[in-house]
Amino acid sequence: MLATIAGAHGLRVAAEGFADRRYETDGTLTPRDRPDALIDDPEEALRQVTG
């Protein structure tokens, strides 16, 4: 329901997200085999979730 309302107002919605994973510019998860795939800094993870 919230996703439908958000979409009607032009907002992008993610069904799930991961605070400790990096994302590519297209919105997909960075592959785990890349050294920069995981976020281990709590402040950076918080910025990702709230930003």
N, C-alpha and C. Protein backbone atom coordinates (compact mmCIF):
# COMPACT_ATOMS: atom_id res chain seq x y z
N MET A 1 0.82 -1.19 0.00
CA MET A 1 0.00 0.00 0.00
C MET A 1 0.87 1.26 0.00
N LEU A 2 1.86 1.31 0.87
CA LEU A 2 2.73 2.49 0.91
C LEU A 2 3.48 2.67 -0.39
N ALA A 3 3.93 1.57 -0.99
CA ALA A 3 4.65 1.65 -2.25
C ALA A 3 3.76 2.21 -3.35
N THR A 4 2.50 1.84 -3.35
CA THR A 4 1.56 2.34 -4.34
C THR A 4 1.35 3.84 -4.18
N ILE A 5 1.18 4.28 -2.96
CA ILE A 5 0.98 5.71 -2.69
C ILE A 5 2.23 6.50 -3.06
N ALA A 6 3.39 5.98 -2.68
CA ALA A 6 4.64 6.67 -3.00
C ALA A 6 4.82 6.76 -4.51
N GLY A 7 4.56 5.67 -5.22
CA GLY A 7 4.68 5.68 -6.67
C GLY A 7 3.75 6.68 -7.32
N ALA A 8 2.55 6.82 -6.79
CA ALA A 8 1.58 7.78 -7.33
C ALA A 8 2.07 9.21 -7.17
N HIS A 9 2.97 9.42 -6.23
CA HIS A 9 3.52 10.75 -6.00
C HIS A 9 4.92 10.92 -6.62
N GLY A 10 5.29 9.98 -7.48
CA GLY A 10 6.55 10.08 -8.19
C GLY A 10 7.78 9.69 -7.39
N LEU A 11 7.58 9.01 -6.27
CA LEU A 11 8.72 8.60 -5.44
C LEU A 11 9.17 7.21 -5.83
N ARG A 12 10.49 6.99 -5.80
CA ARG A 12 11.03 5.66 -6.04
C ARG A 12 10.95 4.85 -4.75
N VAL A 13 10.64 3.58 -4.88
CA VAL A 13 10.47 2.71 -3.72
C VAL A 13 11.36 1.48 -3.87
N ALA A 14 12.03 1.13 -2.79
CA ALA A 14 12.80 -0.12 -2.75
C ALA A 14 12.07 -1.09 -1.84
N ALA A 15 11.87 -2.30 -2.31
CA ALA A 15 11.17 -3.30 -1.51
C ALA A 15 12.00 -3.75 -0.32
N GLU A 16 13.30 -3.69 -0.47
CA GLU A 16 14.20 -4.00 0.64
C GLU A 16 15.51 -3.28 0.41
N GLY A 17 16.26 -3.13 1.45
CA GLY A 17 17.55 -2.48 1.35
C GLY A 17 18.51 -3.05 2.37
N PHE A 18 19.77 -2.85 2.13
CA PHE A 18 20.80 -3.39 3.00
C PHE A 18 21.74 -2.26 3.42
N ALA A 19 21.79 -1.99 4.70
CA ALA A 19 22.65 -0.92 5.20
C ALA A 19 24.12 -1.24 5.04
N ASP A 20 24.45 -2.53 5.03
CA ASP A 20 25.86 -2.92 5.01
C ASP A 20 26.38 -3.31 3.63
N ARG A 21 25.59 -3.03 2.58
CA ARG A 21 26.02 -3.36 1.22
C ARG A 21 26.03 -2.10 0.37
N ARG A 22 26.97 -2.04 -0.55
CA ARG A 22 27.03 -0.93 -1.50
C ARG A 22 26.17 -1.28 -2.72
N TYR A 23 25.72 -0.23 -3.39
CA TYR A 23 24.88 -0.38 -4.57
C TYR A 23 25.57 0.23 -5.79
N GLU A 24 25.28 -0.34 -6.95
CA GLU A 24 25.76 0.19 -8.22
C GLU A 24 24.86 1.36 -8.62
N THR A 25 25.28 2.12 -9.63
CA THR A 25 24.49 3.28 -10.06
C THR A 25 23.12 2.89 -10.59
N ASP A 26 22.97 1.63 -11.04
CA ASP A 26 21.67 1.19 -11.54
C ASP A 26 20.76 0.64 -10.44
N GLY A 27 21.22 0.69 -9.18
CA GLY A 27 20.42 0.25 -8.06
C GLY A 27 20.62 -1.20 -7.66
N THR A 28 21.41 -1.95 -8.41
CA THR A 28 21.69 -3.33 -8.03
C THR A 28 22.78 -3.38 -6.97
N LEU A 29 22.82 -4.48 -6.23
CA LEU A 29 23.85 -4.64 -5.21
C LEU A 29 25.22 -4.81 -5.86
N THR A 30 26.23 -4.23 -5.24
CA THR A 30 27.60 -4.45 -5.68
C THR A 30 27.93 -5.92 -5.41
N PRO A 31 28.48 -6.63 -6.39
CA PRO A 31 28.79 -8.05 -6.18
C PRO A 31 29.72 -8.26 -4.99
N ARG A 32 29.44 -9.28 -4.21
CA ARG A 32 30.22 -9.56 -3.00
C ARG A 32 31.68 -9.89 -3.29
N ASP A 33 32.00 -10.30 -4.50
CA ASP A 33 33.39 -10.63 -4.80
C ASP A 33 34.26 -9.39 -5.01
N ARG A 34 33.64 -8.21 -5.01
CA ARG A 34 34.42 -6.97 -5.10
C ARG A 34 34.79 -6.52 -3.70
N PRO A 35 36.01 -6.03 -3.53
CA PRO A 35 36.47 -5.65 -2.19
C PRO A 35 35.68 -4.50 -1.56
N ASP A 36 35.00 -3.70 -2.36
CA ASP A 36 34.24 -2.56 -1.83
C ASP A 36 32.75 -2.87 -1.65
N ALA A 37 32.36 -4.15 -1.72
CA ALA A 37 30.94 -4.52 -1.68
C ALA A 37 30.30 -4.30 -0.32
N LEU A 38 31.06 -4.48 0.75
CA LEU A 38 30.49 -4.38 2.09
C LEU A 38 30.86 -3.07 2.76
N ILE A 39 29.94 -2.54 3.54
CA ILE A 39 30.18 -1.34 4.34
C ILE A 39 30.40 -1.80 5.77
N ASP A 40 31.58 -1.50 6.31
CA ASP A 40 31.85 -1.92 7.69
C ASP A 40 31.91 -0.75 8.67
N ASP A 41 31.70 0.45 8.17
CA ASP A 41 31.69 1.64 9.03
C ASP A 41 30.23 1.97 9.39
N PRO A 42 29.88 1.92 10.67
CA PRO A 42 28.49 2.19 11.08
C PRO A 42 27.97 3.56 10.64
N GLU A 43 28.82 4.56 10.66
CA GLU A 43 28.39 5.91 10.24
C GLU A 43 28.06 5.94 8.75
N GLU A 44 28.87 5.27 7.96
CA GLU A 44 28.61 5.21 6.52
C GLU A 44 27.31 4.44 6.24
N ALA A 45 27.10 3.35 6.97
CA ALA A 45 25.87 2.58 6.81
C ALA A 45 24.65 3.42 7.17
N LEU A 46 24.76 4.19 8.24
CA LEU A 46 23.66 5.07 8.64
C LEU A 46 23.38 6.12 7.57
N ARG A 47 24.42 6.71 7.00
CA ARG A 47 24.23 7.70 5.93
C ARG A 47 23.53 7.07 4.73
N GLN A 48 23.88 5.84 4.43
CA GLN A 48 23.24 5.18 3.29
C GLN A 48 21.75 4.97 3.55
N VAL A 49 21.41 4.57 4.74
CA VAL A 49 20.01 4.29 5.08
C VAL A 49 19.18 5.57 5.13
N THR A 50 19.76 6.63 5.65
CA THR A 50 19.00 7.86 5.84
C THR A 50 19.17 8.86 4.70
N GLY A 51 20.10 8.60 3.80
CA GLY A 51 20.41 9.55 2.75
C GLY A 51 19.66 9.33 1.51
